[in-house]
Amino acid sequence: MKPDVTTSVTEEVRLLLEQESFERWRKGQQLLSDGLVVVNNSFVFRDVDTNKADEYLALRVGDNGQLTLPPLIASGLRLNLDFKYLSPTSSLPATRSLDAAVADGTANLGELLFRVLSQTINHRDFDEVVWKPSLSQNVRVAARRMEVRQSLFRKRLGTSRGRAHGTSHQ
């Protein structure tokens, strides 16, 4: 079974909306129906010319200023704020569904390899952790390599790591 990335992203966005920093920002906004609230896609504000992803999580504003989930994916923006409101009367960016973006992204992703220091995963038996969404089981351990099917939640990875210790599957 494939991990449900859309559900995981939607849950993380819901948690973001509950954060004090977002609530503080939102209080200063007058959100109109059919506008968009866009979330920055970077933790680093760039003062230099770099390649920043062109896609942002965005939430359509519904009736009474309520933000609708699941988020959309907006493109064609340049954003150096944590959150930005785009009025429905402005030139709104192109959007597509999160499902479509996830389907495109996972189709082009392949295997994503992470070289991880043993202190980072807190386990001296592994040199690397590979995110492998096509894996049929949650975890597969071979020699000093751990493959995980779902790595969206650190808590889940930690739980899987504990169960995987001492097992080896080829």
N, C-alpha and C. Protein backbone atom coordinates (compact mmCIF):
# COMPACT_ATOMS: atom_id res chain seq x y z
N MET A 1 0.84 -1.18 0.00
CA MET A 1 0.00 0.00 0.00
C MET A 1 0.88 1.24 0.00
N LYS A 2 0.58 2.20 -0.86
CA LYS A 2 1.34 3.44 -1.00
C LYS A 2 1.00 4.40 0.15
N PRO A 3 1.99 5.08 0.72
CA PRO A 3 1.70 6.05 1.77
C PRO A 3 0.76 7.13 1.24
N ASP A 4 -0.14 7.61 2.06
CA ASP A 4 -1.07 8.64 1.65
C ASP A 4 -0.45 10.01 1.92
N VAL A 5 0.31 10.48 0.97
CA VAL A 5 1.03 11.74 1.10
C VAL A 5 0.05 12.90 1.22
N THR A 6 -1.01 12.87 0.44
CA THR A 6 -1.98 13.96 0.47
C THR A 6 -2.58 14.13 1.86
N THR A 7 -2.95 13.03 2.49
CA THR A 7 -3.50 13.10 3.85
C THR A 7 -2.46 13.63 4.83
N SER A 8 -1.22 13.19 4.70
CA SER A 8 -0.16 13.65 5.60
C SER A 8 0.11 15.14 5.44
N VAL A 9 0.18 15.61 4.21
CA VAL A 9 0.41 17.05 3.96
C VAL A 9 -0.76 17.86 4.50
N THR A 10 -1.96 17.40 4.26
CA THR A 10 -3.15 18.11 4.74
C THR A 10 -3.14 18.21 6.26
N GLU A 11 -2.77 17.13 6.93
CA GLU A 11 -2.70 17.15 8.40
C GLU A 11 -1.63 18.12 8.88
N GLU A 12 -0.48 18.15 8.22
CA GLU A 12 0.58 19.08 8.62
C GLU A 12 0.14 20.53 8.41
N VAL A 13 -0.59 20.81 7.33
CA VAL A 13 -1.10 22.16 7.10
C VAL A 13 -2.12 22.53 8.17
N ARG A 14 -2.98 21.58 8.52
CA ARG A 14 -3.96 21.84 9.59
C ARG A 14 -3.24 22.21 10.88
N LEU A 15 -2.15 21.51 11.20
CA LEU A 15 -1.38 21.82 12.39
C LEU A 15 -0.72 23.20 12.28
N LEU A 16 -0.25 23.55 11.09
CA LEU A 16 0.33 24.88 10.87
C LEU A 16 -0.70 25.97 11.15
N LEU A 17 -1.93 25.74 10.72
CA LEU A 17 -2.98 26.74 10.93
C LEU A 17 -3.29 26.97 12.40
N GLU A 18 -2.94 26.03 13.24
CA GLU A 18 -3.16 26.16 14.69
C GLU A 18 -1.99 26.83 15.40
N GLN A 19 -0.90 27.07 14.70
CA GLN A 19 0.28 27.67 15.32
C GLN A 19 0.03 29.14 15.66
N GLU A 20 0.61 29.58 16.76
CA GLU A 20 0.45 30.95 17.21
C GLU A 20 0.91 31.96 16.16
N SER A 21 2.02 31.66 15.48
CA SER A 21 2.53 32.59 14.47
C SER A 21 1.53 32.77 13.32
N PHE A 22 0.87 31.70 12.91
CA PHE A 22 -0.13 31.82 11.85
C PHE A 22 -1.35 32.57 12.36
N GLU A 23 -1.82 32.22 13.54
CA GLU A 23 -3.00 32.90 14.09
C GLU A 23 -2.75 34.39 14.26
N ARG A 24 -1.54 34.76 14.69
CA ARG A 24 -1.18 36.17 14.84
C ARG A 24 -1.20 36.86 13.47
N TRP A 25 -0.64 36.22 12.45
CA TRP A 25 -0.65 36.79 11.11
C TRP A 25 -2.08 36.94 10.60
N ARG A 26 -2.88 35.91 10.78
CA ARG A 26 -4.25 35.89 10.26
C ARG A 26 -5.11 37.01 10.85
N LYS A 27 -4.89 37.32 12.12
CA LYS A 27 -5.69 38.38 12.77
C LYS A 27 -5.52 39.72 12.06
N GLY A 28 -4.39 39.92 11.42
CA GLY A 28 -4.14 41.18 10.71
C GLY A 28 -4.62 41.19 9.27
N GLN A 29 -5.31 40.15 8.85
CA GLN A 29 -5.75 40.03 7.46
C GLN A 29 -7.27 40.11 7.36
N GLN A 30 -7.75 40.66 6.26
CA GLN A 30 -9.18 40.61 5.95
C GLN A 30 -9.32 39.65 4.78
N LEU A 31 -9.64 38.40 5.08
CA LEU A 31 -9.69 37.35 4.08
C LEU A 31 -11.06 37.32 3.39
N LEU A 32 -11.04 37.50 2.07
CA LEU A 32 -12.27 37.50 1.29
C LEU A 32 -12.45 36.17 0.57
N SER A 33 -13.69 35.76 0.44
CA SER A 33 -14.02 34.51 -0.24
C SER A 33 -13.37 34.45 -1.62
N ASP A 34 -12.81 33.28 -1.94
CA ASP A 34 -12.12 32.99 -3.21
C ASP A 34 -10.72 33.58 -3.31
N GLY A 35 -10.23 34.19 -2.24
CA GLY A 35 -8.83 34.59 -2.20
C GLY A 35 -7.98 33.38 -1.88
N LEU A 36 -6.67 33.58 -1.83
CA LEU A 36 -5.73 32.50 -1.51
C LEU A 36 -4.79 32.93 -0.39
N VAL A 37 -4.52 32.02 0.52
CA VAL A 37 -3.46 32.21 1.51
C VAL A 37 -2.34 31.26 1.09
N VAL A 38 -1.16 31.82 0.86
CA VAL A 38 -0.03 31.04 0.36
C VAL A 38 0.99 30.91 1.48
N VAL A 39 1.57 29.71 1.61
CA VAL A 39 2.56 29.40 2.63
C VAL A 39 3.94 29.34 1.97
N ASN A 40 4.91 30.02 2.57
CA ASN A 40 6.26 30.00 2.02
C ASN A 40 6.78 28.57 1.95
N ASN A 41 7.52 28.24 0.90
CA ASN A 41 8.03 26.88 0.72
C ASN A 41 9.48 26.74 1.17
N SER A 42 9.98 27.73 1.92
CA SER A 42 11.38 27.69 2.33
C SER A 42 11.53 28.21 3.74
N PHE A 43 12.51 27.62 4.45
CA PHE A 43 12.85 28.13 5.77
C PHE A 43 13.90 29.22 5.68
N VAL A 44 14.45 29.42 4.50
CA VAL A 44 15.55 30.37 4.31
C VAL A 44 15.10 31.47 3.37
N PHE A 45 15.19 32.72 3.83
CA PHE A 45 14.93 33.84 2.93
C PHE A 45 16.20 34.08 2.14
N ARG A 46 16.06 34.15 0.85
CA ARG A 46 17.22 34.23 -0.03
C ARG A 46 17.51 35.67 -0.44
N ASP A 47 18.72 36.12 -0.15
CA ASP A 47 19.19 37.41 -0.63
C ASP A 47 20.08 37.23 -1.84
N VAL A 48 20.26 36.01 -2.27
CA VAL A 48 21.10 35.70 -3.42
C VAL A 48 20.25 34.99 -4.46
N ASP A 49 20.77 34.92 -5.65
CA ASP A 49 20.04 34.27 -6.74
C ASP A 49 20.22 32.76 -6.66
N THR A 50 19.19 32.05 -6.24
CA THR A 50 19.23 30.59 -6.15
C THR A 50 17.98 30.03 -6.81
N ASN A 51 17.97 28.75 -7.00
CA ASN A 51 16.81 28.09 -7.57
C ASN A 51 15.86 27.69 -6.44
N LYS A 52 14.77 28.38 -6.33
CA LYS A 52 13.77 28.07 -5.32
C LYS A 52 12.61 27.37 -6.01
N ALA A 53 12.01 26.41 -5.33
CA ALA A 53 10.88 25.70 -5.90
C ALA A 53 9.79 26.68 -6.32
N ASP A 54 9.14 26.39 -7.40
CA ASP A 54 8.11 27.26 -7.95
C ASP A 54 6.73 26.96 -7.40
N GLU A 55 6.60 25.93 -6.57
CA GLU A 55 5.29 25.54 -6.08
C GLU A 55 5.16 25.84 -4.58
N TYR A 56 3.97 26.29 -4.21
CA TYR A 56 3.66 26.67 -2.84
C TYR A 56 2.35 26.03 -2.41
N LEU A 57 2.26 25.69 -1.14
CA LEU A 57 0.98 25.28 -0.58
C LEU A 57 0.10 26.51 -0.49
N ALA A 58 -1.15 26.37 -0.88
CA ALA A 58 -2.08 27.50 -0.85
C ALA A 58 -3.44 27.01 -0.36
N LEU A 59 -4.12 27.87 0.36
CA LEU A 59 -5.44 27.54 0.88
C LEU A 59 -6.45 28.53 0.31
N ARG A 60 -7.49 28.00 -0.30
CA ARG A 60 -8.56 28.86 -0.81
C ARG A 60 -9.38 29.35 0.37
N VAL A 61 -9.75 30.62 0.31
CA VAL A 61 -10.58 31.21 1.35
C VAL A 61 -12.04 30.94 0.97
N GLY A 62 -12.75 30.31 1.89
CA GLY A 62 -14.17 30.01 1.68
C GLY A 62 -15.04 31.10 2.28
N ASP A 63 -16.30 30.78 2.43
CA ASP A 63 -17.25 31.71 3.03
C ASP A 63 -16.82 32.07 4.45
N ASN A 64 -17.10 33.29 4.84
CA ASN A 64 -16.79 33.78 6.20
C ASN A 64 -15.30 33.73 6.52
N GLY A 65 -14.43 33.74 5.52
CA GLY A 65 -12.99 33.78 5.77
C GLY A 65 -12.37 32.46 6.21
N GLN A 66 -13.15 31.37 6.13
CA GLN A 66 -12.62 30.07 6.53
C GLN A 66 -11.68 29.54 5.45
N LEU A 67 -10.57 28.95 5.88
CA LEU A 67 -9.62 28.37 4.94
C LEU A 67 -10.00 26.93 4.67
N THR A 68 -9.95 26.52 3.40
CA THR A 68 -10.41 25.20 3.03
C THR A 68 -9.25 24.23 2.85
N LEU A 69 -9.47 23.02 3.33
CA LEU A 69 -8.52 21.93 3.18
C LEU A 69 -9.15 20.89 2.26
N PRO A 70 -8.39 20.11 1.55
CA PRO A 70 -6.93 20.08 1.50
C PRO A 70 -6.38 21.30 0.78
N PRO A 71 -5.10 21.60 1.01
CA PRO A 71 -4.50 22.74 0.32
C PRO A 71 -4.39 22.49 -1.18
N LEU A 72 -4.21 23.56 -1.90
CA LEU A 72 -3.92 23.51 -3.33
C LEU A 72 -2.43 23.72 -3.51
N ILE A 73 -1.95 23.57 -4.72
CA ILE A 73 -0.58 23.91 -5.06
C ILE A 73 -0.63 25.09 -6.02
N ALA A 74 0.00 26.18 -5.64
CA ALA A 74 0.05 27.39 -6.47
C ALA A 74 1.44 27.52 -7.06
N SER A 75 1.51 28.03 -8.27
CA SER A 75 2.82 28.22 -8.91
C SER A 75 2.88 29.58 -9.59
N GLY A 76 4.10 29.99 -9.90
CA GLY A 76 4.30 31.26 -10.58
C GLY A 76 4.39 32.44 -9.63
N LEU A 77 4.80 32.19 -8.39
CA LEU A 77 4.92 33.25 -7.38
C LEU A 77 6.36 33.43 -6.97
N ARG A 78 6.64 34.55 -6.37
CA ARG A 78 7.90 34.76 -5.66
C ARG A 78 7.50 35.30 -4.29
N LEU A 79 7.93 34.61 -3.26
CA LEU A 79 7.43 34.92 -1.91
C LEU A 79 8.58 34.93 -0.92
N ASN A 80 8.70 36.02 -0.16
CA ASN A 80 9.70 36.10 0.90
C ASN A 80 9.05 36.44 2.24
N LEU A 81 7.84 35.99 2.41
CA LEU A 81 7.11 36.13 3.66
C LEU A 81 6.70 34.74 4.10
N ASP A 82 6.43 34.57 5.38
CA ASP A 82 5.96 33.28 5.85
C ASP A 82 4.61 32.93 5.23
N PHE A 83 3.70 33.91 5.20
CA PHE A 83 2.36 33.73 4.68
C PHE A 83 2.01 34.96 3.86
N LYS A 84 1.24 34.75 2.82
CA LYS A 84 0.80 35.87 1.99
C LYS A 84 -0.64 35.64 1.58
N TYR A 85 -1.45 36.69 1.73
CA TYR A 85 -2.84 36.63 1.29
C TYR A 85 -2.93 37.29 -0.08
N LEU A 86 -3.60 36.61 -1.00
CA LEU A 86 -3.84 37.15 -2.34
C LEU A 86 -5.35 37.33 -2.49
N SER A 87 -5.76 38.55 -2.69
CA SER A 87 -7.17 38.90 -2.81
C SER A 87 -7.77 38.29 -4.08
N PRO A 88 -9.06 37.96 -4.03
CA PRO A 88 -9.69 37.40 -5.24
C PRO A 88 -9.73 38.40 -6.40
N THR A 89 -9.55 39.68 -6.11
CA THR A 89 -9.56 40.68 -7.18
C THR A 89 -8.16 40.89 -7.78
N SER A 90 -7.15 40.26 -7.19
CA SER A 90 -5.80 40.37 -7.74
C SER A 90 -5.60 39.30 -8.81
N SER A 91 -4.47 39.33 -9.43
CA SER A 91 -4.14 38.32 -10.43
C SER A 91 -3.67 37.06 -9.69
N LEU A 92 -4.59 36.12 -9.51
CA LEU A 92 -4.27 34.91 -8.74
C LEU A 92 -3.40 33.97 -9.56
N PRO A 93 -2.49 33.27 -8.89
CA PRO A 93 -1.61 32.34 -9.61
C PRO A 93 -2.36 31.09 -10.06
N ALA A 94 -1.75 30.35 -10.96
CA ALA A 94 -2.29 29.06 -11.37
C ALA A 94 -2.25 28.12 -10.18
N THR A 95 -3.30 27.32 -10.02
CA THR A 95 -3.34 26.33 -8.93
C THR A 95 -3.74 24.98 -9.52
N ARG A 96 -3.38 23.96 -8.78
CA ARG A 96 -3.84 22.60 -9.10
C ARG A 96 -4.02 21.87 -7.79
N SER A 97 -4.69 20.74 -7.86
CA SER A 97 -4.99 20.01 -6.63
C SER A 97 -3.71 19.40 -6.05
N LEU A 98 -3.74 19.21 -4.75
CA LEU A 98 -2.63 18.54 -4.08
C LEU A 98 -2.48 17.11 -4.60
N ASP A 99 -3.60 16.42 -4.83
CA ASP A 99 -3.54 15.06 -5.38
C ASP A 99 -2.77 15.02 -6.70
N ALA A 100 -3.05 15.95 -7.60
CA ALA A 100 -2.37 15.97 -8.90
C ALA A 100 -0.88 16.25 -8.73
N ALA A 101 -0.54 17.18 -7.84
CA ALA A 101 0.87 17.51 -7.61
C ALA A 101 1.62 16.33 -7.00
N VAL A 102 0.99 15.64 -6.06
CA VAL A 102 1.62 14.48 -5.42
C VAL A 102 1.81 13.37 -6.45
N ALA A 103 0.80 13.13 -7.27
CA ALA A 103 0.91 12.10 -8.30
C ALA A 103 2.07 12.40 -9.26
N ASP A 104 2.18 13.66 -9.70
CA ASP A 104 3.29 14.05 -10.59
C ASP A 104 4.63 13.91 -9.88
N GLY A 105 4.68 14.38 -8.64
CA GLY A 105 5.94 14.34 -7.90
C GLY A 105 6.43 12.94 -7.60
N THR A 106 5.54 12.07 -7.17
CA THR A 106 5.97 10.71 -6.84
C THR A 106 6.31 9.91 -8.09
N ALA A 107 5.65 10.21 -9.20
CA ALA A 107 5.98 9.52 -10.45
C ALA A 107 7.39 9.85 -10.91
N ASN A 108 7.86 11.04 -10.59
CA ASN A 108 9.19 11.48 -11.03
C ASN A 108 10.26 11.36 -9.95
N LEU A 109 9.88 10.89 -8.79
CA LEU A 109 10.80 10.90 -7.65
C LEU A 109 11.83 9.78 -7.67
N GLY A 110 11.37 8.56 -7.93
CA GLY A 110 12.28 7.43 -7.84
C GLY A 110 12.67 7.21 -6.40
N GLU A 111 13.84 6.63 -6.16
CA GLU A 111 14.32 6.42 -4.79
C GLU A 111 15.03 7.67 -4.31
N LEU A 112 14.72 8.07 -3.12
CA LEU A 112 15.37 9.21 -2.51
C LEU A 112 16.29 8.70 -1.42
N LEU A 113 17.57 8.99 -1.56
CA LEU A 113 18.57 8.46 -0.64
C LEU A 113 18.99 9.53 0.35
N PHE A 114 19.05 9.15 1.62
CA PHE A 114 19.55 10.04 2.66
C PHE A 114 20.76 9.39 3.30
N ARG A 115 21.90 10.06 3.28
CA ARG A 115 23.05 9.63 4.07
C ARG A 115 22.85 10.25 5.45
N VAL A 116 22.75 9.43 6.44
CA VAL A 116 22.41 9.91 7.77
C VAL A 116 23.51 9.52 8.75
N LEU A 117 23.95 10.48 9.55
CA LEU A 117 24.91 10.16 10.61
C LEU A 117 24.24 9.28 11.64
N SER A 118 24.99 8.38 12.22
CA SER A 118 24.38 7.47 13.18
C SER A 118 23.75 8.22 14.36
N GLN A 119 24.31 9.38 14.74
CA GLN A 119 23.71 10.13 15.85
C GLN A 119 22.34 10.67 15.44
N THR A 120 22.16 11.01 14.15
CA THR A 120 20.90 11.57 13.70
C THR A 120 19.77 10.57 13.84
N ILE A 121 20.03 9.31 13.45
CA ILE A 121 18.98 8.30 13.59
C ILE A 121 19.13 7.53 14.90
N ASN A 122 20.15 7.92 15.67
CA ASN A 122 20.37 7.35 16.99
C ASN A 122 20.51 5.83 16.94
N HIS A 123 21.27 5.37 15.95
CA HIS A 123 21.46 3.92 15.83
C HIS A 123 22.78 3.67 15.12
N ARG A 124 23.75 3.11 15.80
CA ARG A 124 25.07 2.94 15.22
C ARG A 124 25.17 1.78 14.23
N ASP A 125 24.09 1.04 14.05
CA ASP A 125 24.11 -0.10 13.13
C ASP A 125 23.84 0.28 11.67
N PHE A 126 23.43 1.54 11.40
CA PHE A 126 23.05 1.92 10.03
C PHE A 126 23.91 3.06 9.51
N ASP A 127 24.31 2.94 8.24
CA ASP A 127 25.03 4.01 7.57
C ASP A 127 24.10 4.88 6.75
N GLU A 128 23.02 4.30 6.28
CA GLU A 128 22.13 5.07 5.43
C GLU A 128 20.69 4.62 5.62
N VAL A 129 19.81 5.57 5.34
CA VAL A 129 18.38 5.32 5.34
C VAL A 129 17.88 5.73 3.97
N VAL A 130 17.14 4.84 3.33
CA VAL A 130 16.61 5.12 1.99
C VAL A 130 15.09 5.16 2.08
N TRP A 131 14.54 6.24 1.59
CA TRP A 131 13.09 6.34 1.49
C TRP A 131 12.70 5.63 0.20
N LYS A 132 11.90 4.59 0.31
CA LYS A 132 11.53 3.78 -0.85
C LYS A 132 10.02 3.54 -0.80
N PRO A 133 9.22 4.47 -1.36
CA PRO A 133 7.76 4.37 -1.28
C PRO A 133 7.21 3.09 -1.90
N SER A 134 7.93 2.45 -2.81
CA SER A 134 7.43 1.24 -3.46
C SER A 134 7.63 -0.02 -2.61
N LEU A 135 8.26 0.11 -1.46
CA LEU A 135 8.52 -1.04 -0.59
C LEU A 135 7.19 -1.66 -0.15
N SER A 136 7.11 -2.98 -0.14
CA SER A 136 5.85 -3.64 0.24
C SER A 136 5.65 -3.68 1.76
N GLN A 137 6.73 -3.69 2.53
CA GLN A 137 6.60 -3.65 3.98
C GLN A 137 7.05 -2.28 4.49
N ASN A 138 6.83 -2.01 5.77
CA ASN A 138 7.19 -0.70 6.33
C ASN A 138 8.69 -0.47 6.36
N VAL A 139 9.46 -1.52 6.70
CA VAL A 139 10.91 -1.39 6.87
C VAL A 139 11.59 -2.64 6.34
N ARG A 140 12.74 -2.44 5.69
CA ARG A 140 13.58 -3.57 5.30
C ARG A 140 15.01 -3.20 5.67
N VAL A 141 15.70 -4.11 6.39
CA VAL A 141 17.07 -3.88 6.83
C VAL A 141 17.96 -4.91 6.17
N ALA A 142 19.04 -4.43 5.55
CA ALA A 142 20.03 -5.31 4.94
C ALA A 142 21.41 -4.71 5.21
N ALA A 143 22.25 -5.47 5.90
CA ALA A 143 23.59 -5.01 6.27
C ALA A 143 23.46 -3.69 7.04
N ARG A 144 24.09 -2.62 6.57
CA ARG A 144 24.08 -1.33 7.27
C ARG A 144 23.13 -0.33 6.60
N ARG A 145 22.15 -0.86 5.89
CA ARG A 145 21.20 -0.03 5.15
C ARG A 145 19.77 -0.33 5.62
N MET A 146 19.03 0.73 5.88
CA MET A 146 17.62 0.59 6.25
C MET A 146 16.79 1.26 5.16
N GLU A 147 15.80 0.54 4.66
CA GLU A 147 14.86 1.11 3.70
C GLU A 147 13.52 1.27 4.41
N VAL A 148 12.89 2.42 4.24
CA VAL A 148 11.61 2.69 4.87
C VAL A 148 10.60 3.09 3.81
N ARG A 149 9.38 2.61 3.98
CA ARG A 149 8.33 2.93 3.02
C ARG A 149 7.79 4.33 3.22
N GLN A 150 7.67 4.75 4.46
CA GLN A 150 7.08 6.05 4.75
C GLN A 150 7.97 6.79 5.73
N SER A 151 8.41 7.98 5.35
CA SER A 151 9.29 8.73 6.24
C SER A 151 8.73 10.10 6.56
N LEU A 152 7.44 10.31 6.38
CA LEU A 152 6.87 11.63 6.60
C LEU A 152 6.84 12.03 8.06
N PHE A 153 6.81 11.06 8.96
CA PHE A 153 6.75 11.37 10.37
C PHE A 153 7.95 10.75 11.08
N ARG A 154 8.74 11.58 11.75
CA ARG A 154 9.91 11.08 12.48
C ARG A 154 9.50 10.06 13.52
N LYS A 155 8.36 10.29 14.16
CA LYS A 155 7.88 9.36 15.19
C LYS A 155 7.68 7.97 14.58
N ARG A 156 7.09 7.92 13.39
CA ARG A 156 6.84 6.64 12.74
C ARG A 156 8.16 5.96 12.39
N LEU A 157 9.15 6.73 11.91
CA LEU A 157 10.46 6.16 11.57
C LEU A 157 11.11 5.59 12.83
N GLY A 158 11.02 6.32 13.94
CA GLY A 158 11.60 5.84 15.19
C GLY A 158 10.95 4.54 15.64
N THR A 159 9.64 4.44 15.51
CA THR A 159 8.93 3.22 15.88
C THR A 159 9.35 2.07 14.99
N SER A 160 9.43 2.33 13.68
CA SER A 160 9.82 1.28 12.75
C SER A 160 11.24 0.83 12.99
N ARG A 161 12.13 1.78 13.31
CA ARG A 161 13.53 1.45 13.56
C ARG A 161 13.63 0.47 14.72
N GLY A 162 12.86 0.71 15.77
CA GLY A 162 12.91 -0.16 16.93
C GLY A 162 12.49 -1.58 16.58
N ARG A 163 11.46 -1.72 15.77
CA ARG A 163 11.01 -3.04 15.38
C ARG A 163 11.96 -3.70 14.43
N ALA A 164 12.69 -2.92 13.64
CA ALA A 164 13.55 -3.49 12.60
C ALA A 164 14.87 -3.99 13.16
N HIS A 165 15.30 -3.50 14.31
CA HIS A 165 16.60 -3.86 14.85
C HIS A 165 16.74 -5.38 14.98
N GLY A 166 17.80 -5.88 14.40
CA GLY A 166 18.07 -7.31 14.53
C GLY A 166 17.44 -8.16 13.45
N THR A 167 16.66 -7.55 12.57
CA THR A 167 16.06 -8.32 11.49
C THR A 167 16.74 -7.98 10.18
N SER A 168 16.73 -8.91 9.29
CA SER A 168 17.33 -8.67 7.99
C SER A 168 16.49 -9.36 6.92
N HIS A 169 16.08 -8.58 5.94
CA HIS A 169 15.28 -9.10 4.84
C HIS A 169 15.97 -8.74 3.54
N GLN A 170 16.06 -9.67 2.65
CA GLN A 170 16.70 -9.38 1.35
C GLN A 170 15.68 -9.10 0.28
